[in-house]
Protein backbone atom coordinates (compact mmCIF):
# COMPACT_ATOMS: atom_id res chain seq x y z
CA UNK A 1 54.34 68.70 2.50
CA UNK A 2 51.02 66.91 2.06
CA UNK A 3 50.76 64.15 -0.55
CA UNK A 4 47.67 65.94 -1.79
CA UNK A 5 45.59 68.85 -0.59
CA UNK A 6 42.30 70.38 -1.67
CA UNK A 7 41.64 73.84 -0.25
CA UNK A 8 38.10 75.27 -0.52
CA UNK A 9 37.63 73.54 -3.90
CA UNK A 10 34.43 73.93 -5.89
CA UNK A 11 33.62 72.50 -9.31
CA UNK A 12 30.61 73.57 -11.35
CA UNK A 13 29.03 71.89 -14.35
CA UNK A 14 26.36 73.97 -16.10
CA UNK A 15 25.79 76.01 -12.93
CA UNK A 16 25.46 72.85 -10.80
CA UNK A 17 28.01 72.35 -8.03
CA UNK A 18 29.55 68.88 -8.25
CA UNK A 19 31.84 69.94 -5.38
CA UNK A 20 31.31 72.85 -3.00
CA UNK A 21 34.18 74.26 -0.89
CA UNK A 22 35.80 70.88 -0.31
CA UNK A 23 38.98 70.79 1.78
CA UNK A 24 41.03 67.60 2.20
CA UNK A 25 44.57 66.77 3.29
CA UNK A 26 46.45 63.49 2.96
CA UNK A 27 49.48 63.04 5.21
CA UNK A 28 52.55 61.09 3.97
CA UNK A 29 52.42 57.40 4.81
CA UNK A 30 48.73 57.38 5.71
CA UNK A 31 45.53 56.19 4.04
CA UNK A 32 42.45 58.37 3.59
CA UNK A 33 39.05 56.93 2.68
CA UNK A 34 36.99 59.11 0.35
CA UNK A 35 33.37 58.10 0.97
CA UNK A 36 29.95 59.13 -0.20
CA UNK A 37 26.78 57.88 -1.88
CA UNK A 38 26.49 57.80 -5.66
CA UNK A 39 26.69 61.32 -7.07
CA UNK A 40 28.38 62.74 -3.99
CA UNK A 41 31.36 64.09 -5.95
CA UNK A 42 34.02 61.40 -5.38
CA UNK A 43 34.77 60.91 -9.08
CA UNK A 44 34.98 64.66 -9.65
CA UNK A 45 37.45 64.94 -6.76
CA UNK A 46 39.63 62.21 -8.26
CA UNK A 47 39.56 63.88 -11.68
CA UNK A 48 40.70 67.13 -10.10
CA UNK A 49 43.52 65.40 -8.23
CA UNK A 50 44.70 63.67 -11.41
CA UNK A 51 44.61 66.87 -13.44
CA UNK A 52 41.84 65.62 -15.72
CA UNK A 53 39.76 68.72 -15.05
CA UNK A 54 40.29 72.11 -13.43
CA UNK A 55 38.70 73.46 -10.26
CA UNK A 56 36.22 76.30 -10.67
CA UNK A 57 37.32 77.73 -7.32
CA UNK A 58 39.94 76.87 -4.74
CA UNK A 59 43.30 75.11 -5.01
CA UNK A 60 44.29 71.51 -5.72
CA UNK A 61 47.85 70.53 -4.79
CA UNK A 62 49.37 67.21 -5.86
CA UNK A 63 52.69 66.40 -4.19
CA UNK A 64 53.15 70.07 -3.45
CA UNK A 65 52.32 71.45 -6.87
CA UNK A 66 49.91 71.87 -9.75
CA UNK A 67 48.39 68.49 -10.83
CA UNK A 68 48.49 69.68 -14.46
CA UNK A 69 52.31 69.68 -14.38
CA UNK A 70 53.81 66.28 -15.37
CA UNK A 71 56.55 66.45 -12.73
CA UNK A 72 53.91 66.54 -9.99
CA UNK A 73 52.15 63.47 -11.39
CA UNK A 74 55.34 61.40 -11.32
CA UNK A 75 55.30 58.91 -8.50
CA UNK A 76 51.50 58.63 -8.58
CA UNK A 77 49.89 55.21 -9.11
CA UNK A 78 46.23 55.08 -10.11
CA UNK A 79 43.75 52.21 -10.15
CA UNK A 80 40.51 53.40 -11.81
CA UNK A 81 37.14 51.93 -10.93
CA UNK A 82 36.61 50.78 -14.51
CA UNK A 83 39.99 49.56 -15.70
CA UNK A 84 39.90 48.95 -19.45
CA UNK A 85 42.52 46.38 -20.43
CA UNK A 86 43.59 45.88 -24.07
CA UNK A 87 42.41 42.31 -24.68
CA UNK A 88 45.09 41.47 -27.26
CA UNK A 89 48.06 42.54 -25.14
CA UNK A 90 49.78 40.15 -22.74
CA UNK A 91 49.95 40.79 -19.02
CA UNK A 92 53.72 41.19 -19.18
CA UNK A 93 53.61 43.64 -22.08
CA UNK A 94 50.96 45.69 -20.32
CA UNK A 95 53.03 45.91 -17.15
CA UNK A 96 56.14 46.81 -19.14
CA UNK A 97 54.18 49.60 -20.83
CA UNK A 98 53.06 51.08 -17.52
CA UNK A 99 56.47 50.59 -15.94
CA UNK A 100 58.01 52.49 -18.82
CA UNK A 101 55.46 55.28 -18.48
CA UNK A 102 56.39 55.47 -14.79
CA UNK A 103 60.05 55.94 -15.69
CA UNK A 104 61.50 52.44 -15.33
CA UNK A 105 64.07 51.37 -17.91
CA UNK A 106 66.20 48.33 -18.74
CA UNK A 107 67.00 46.04 -15.84
CA UNK A 108 64.97 48.20 -13.44
CA UNK A 109 61.92 47.64 -15.63
CA UNK A 110 62.53 43.88 -15.76
CA UNK A 111 62.89 43.72 -11.98
CA UNK A 112 59.86 45.93 -11.45
CA UNK A 113 57.61 43.77 -13.61
CA UNK A 114 58.74 40.54 -11.96
CA UNK A 115 58.52 41.93 -8.42
CA UNK A 116 55.04 43.41 -8.76
CA UNK A 117 53.77 40.32 -10.62
CA UNK A 118 54.96 38.11 -7.77
CA UNK A 119 53.51 40.48 -5.17
CA UNK A 120 50.06 40.42 -6.79
CA UNK A 121 50.12 36.70 -7.64
CA UNK A 122 50.06 37.05 -11.43
CA UNK A 123 53.66 35.99 -12.18
CA UNK A 124 52.45 32.76 -13.83
CA UNK A 125 50.16 34.74 -16.16
CA UNK A 126 52.67 37.17 -17.69
CA UNK A 127 52.41 35.54 -21.13
CA UNK A 128 48.60 35.32 -21.06
CA UNK A 129 46.43 37.73 -23.03
CA UNK A 130 44.57 40.22 -20.87
CA UNK A 131 41.32 39.26 -22.61
CA UNK A 132 41.51 35.75 -21.11
CA UNK A 133 41.59 36.90 -17.48
CA UNK A 134 38.79 36.73 -14.94
CA UNK A 135 37.56 39.90 -13.23
CA UNK A 136 39.59 39.08 -10.13
CA UNK A 137 42.81 38.53 -12.08
CA UNK A 138 42.17 41.70 -14.07
CA UNK A 139 41.90 43.62 -10.80
CA UNK A 140 45.22 42.15 -9.70
CA UNK A 141 46.74 43.41 -12.95
CA UNK A 142 45.23 46.81 -12.16
CA UNK A 143 46.92 46.84 -8.77
CA UNK A 144 50.18 45.72 -10.35
CA UNK A 145 50.25 48.53 -12.91
CA UNK A 146 49.47 51.09 -10.20
CA UNK A 147 52.23 49.82 -7.89
CA UNK A 148 54.95 48.88 -10.39
CA UNK A 149 57.23 51.85 -9.75
CA UNK A 150 56.70 51.98 -5.96
CA UNK A 151 54.71 55.23 -6.13
CA UNK A 152 54.74 57.88 -3.42
CA UNK A 153 50.96 58.26 -3.79
CA UNK A 154 48.38 55.59 -4.62
CA UNK A 155 44.89 56.56 -5.80
CA UNK A 156 42.56 53.55 -5.60
CA UNK A 157 38.99 53.76 -6.89
CA UNK A 158 36.91 50.78 -5.66
CA UNK A 159 40.05 48.64 -5.20
CA UNK A 160 38.15 45.57 -3.92
CA UNK A 161 36.02 45.29 -7.07
CA UNK A 162 36.04 41.72 -8.38
CA UNK A 163 38.32 40.36 -5.67
CA UNK A 164 37.37 37.29 -3.66
CA UNK A 165 37.95 37.24 0.13
CA UNK A 166 41.53 36.01 -0.32
CA UNK A 167 42.23 38.73 -2.87
CA UNK A 168 40.73 41.38 -0.61
CA UNK A 169 42.94 40.24 2.27
CA UNK A 170 45.98 40.35 0.01
CA UNK A 171 45.03 43.82 -1.27
CA UNK A 172 44.94 45.06 2.33
CA UNK A 173 48.46 43.67 2.74
CA UNK A 174 49.68 45.44 -0.43
CA UNK A 175 48.30 48.73 0.82
CA UNK A 176 49.84 48.20 4.27
CA UNK A 177 53.21 47.47 2.65
CA UNK A 178 52.96 50.65 0.57
CA UNK A 179 52.15 52.70 3.67
CA UNK A 180 55.07 51.13 5.54
CA UNK A 181 57.52 52.50 2.96
CA UNK A 182 55.97 55.97 3.23
CA UNK A 183 53.45 55.85 0.39
CA UNK A 184 50.24 57.86 0.87
CA UNK A 185 46.99 56.16 -0.18
CA UNK A 186 43.61 57.57 -1.15
CA UNK A 187 40.84 54.96 -1.28
CA UNK A 188 37.44 55.73 -2.81
CA UNK A 189 35.04 52.92 -2.02
CA UNK A 190 31.50 51.92 -1.09
CA UNK A 191 32.81 48.88 0.81
CA UNK A 192 33.01 50.53 4.21
CA UNK A 193 34.19 47.48 6.11
CA UNK A 194 37.33 47.43 3.95
CA UNK A 195 37.85 51.18 4.33
CA UNK A 196 37.65 50.78 8.10
CA UNK A 197 40.41 48.16 7.98
CA UNK A 198 42.66 50.02 5.54
CA UNK A 199 42.35 53.71 6.30
CA UNK A 200 43.55 55.95 9.10
CA UNK A 201 41.04 58.69 8.34
CA UNK A 202 38.01 59.34 6.16
CA UNK A 203 36.26 62.21 4.44
CA UNK A 204 32.55 61.74 3.78
CA UNK A 205 31.02 63.64 0.86
CA UNK A 206 27.33 64.27 0.34
CA UNK A 207 25.90 66.35 -2.50
CA UNK A 208 29.34 67.79 -3.19
CA UNK A 209 30.17 68.90 0.36
CA UNK A 210 32.25 67.34 3.14
CA UNK A 211 29.85 66.38 5.95
CA UNK A 212 32.52 64.75 8.14
CA UNK A 213 36.30 64.38 8.03
CA UNK A 214 38.92 63.12 10.43
CA UNK A 215 40.29 60.01 12.06
CA UNK A 216 37.86 57.10 11.99
CA UNK A 217 37.95 57.01 15.79
CA UNK A 218 36.70 60.61 15.82
CA UNK A 219 33.79 59.96 13.47
CA UNK A 220 32.59 56.57 14.72
CA UNK A 221 30.69 56.72 18.00
CA UNK A 222 31.03 54.07 20.71
CA UNK A 223 29.21 50.91 19.63
CA UNK A 224 29.18 51.97 15.97
CA UNK A 225 31.01 50.68 12.92
CA UNK A 226 31.96 52.98 10.07
CA UNK A 227 28.88 51.89 8.13
CA UNK A 228 26.65 53.01 11.01
CA UNK A 229 28.35 56.40 11.16
CA UNK A 230 28.07 56.81 7.38
CA UNK A 231 24.32 56.12 7.43
CA UNK A 232 23.87 58.42 10.42
CA UNK A 233 25.71 61.27 8.69
CA UNK A 234 24.46 60.82 5.13
CA UNK A 235 21.13 59.07 5.61
CA UNK A 236 19.68 61.96 7.60
CA UNK A 237 20.55 64.34 4.78
CA UNK A 238 19.16 61.99 2.13
CA UNK A 239 15.77 61.54 3.76
CA UNK A 240 12.85 62.65 1.53
CA UNK A 241 10.86 65.69 2.69
CA UNK A 242 7.65 64.93 4.58
CA UNK A 243 4.50 64.73 2.49
CA UNK A 244 2.93 68.11 1.94
CA UNK A 245 5.99 70.16 2.81
CA UNK A 246 9.74 70.53 2.80
CA UNK A 247 12.31 69.81 5.41
CA UNK A 248 13.39 72.84 7.37
């Protein structure tokens, strides 16, 4: 069973295709990078996977079932690109809330909060208000709430946002540790150097369609980095038409 699968998925908004016949598969214990320029359809794909909206055509499968069913969303950790933290709540209370929502109770919840706080380096800030944290510390809290119940699937939207080089290195370690215990990871990011270090495979979206998908080694040509391949695949399609005519 795939951790998630999109089969010939299209999504229309007012007759415009945000996604067009997109197919993706995420194997257990692997990391997939979901790439694309702004407006390519990455956010729409994540919303479909999370059950926040419904596909116009095709099938979305989350952990083998319908993403709108709560039982299929259990075991999924999500770090949104724009994590809104309640400024008045403490770090510890926030993690307890998310641990409880993920199904942890009693001593398991206490252990989960302490373990994930230590893992992400925020154990000394559990009594601090979220509104007092820097962007980098807030991102660590975001990782902690996503990972607190050792999810089977992690969805990470721009996970390096706000992290300094040390934090980015640690985040790579957290993701590697999750993969080592069998967790599947989907990373949506513009920071291609990090994707290249974290992910086993990538899917590149452009104007709602998949223009390339597969192992990074299959997409990147000799002498290229992932950034070069991305520009080669997407830049050619983004080029403006020549003056006085259209591209053929």
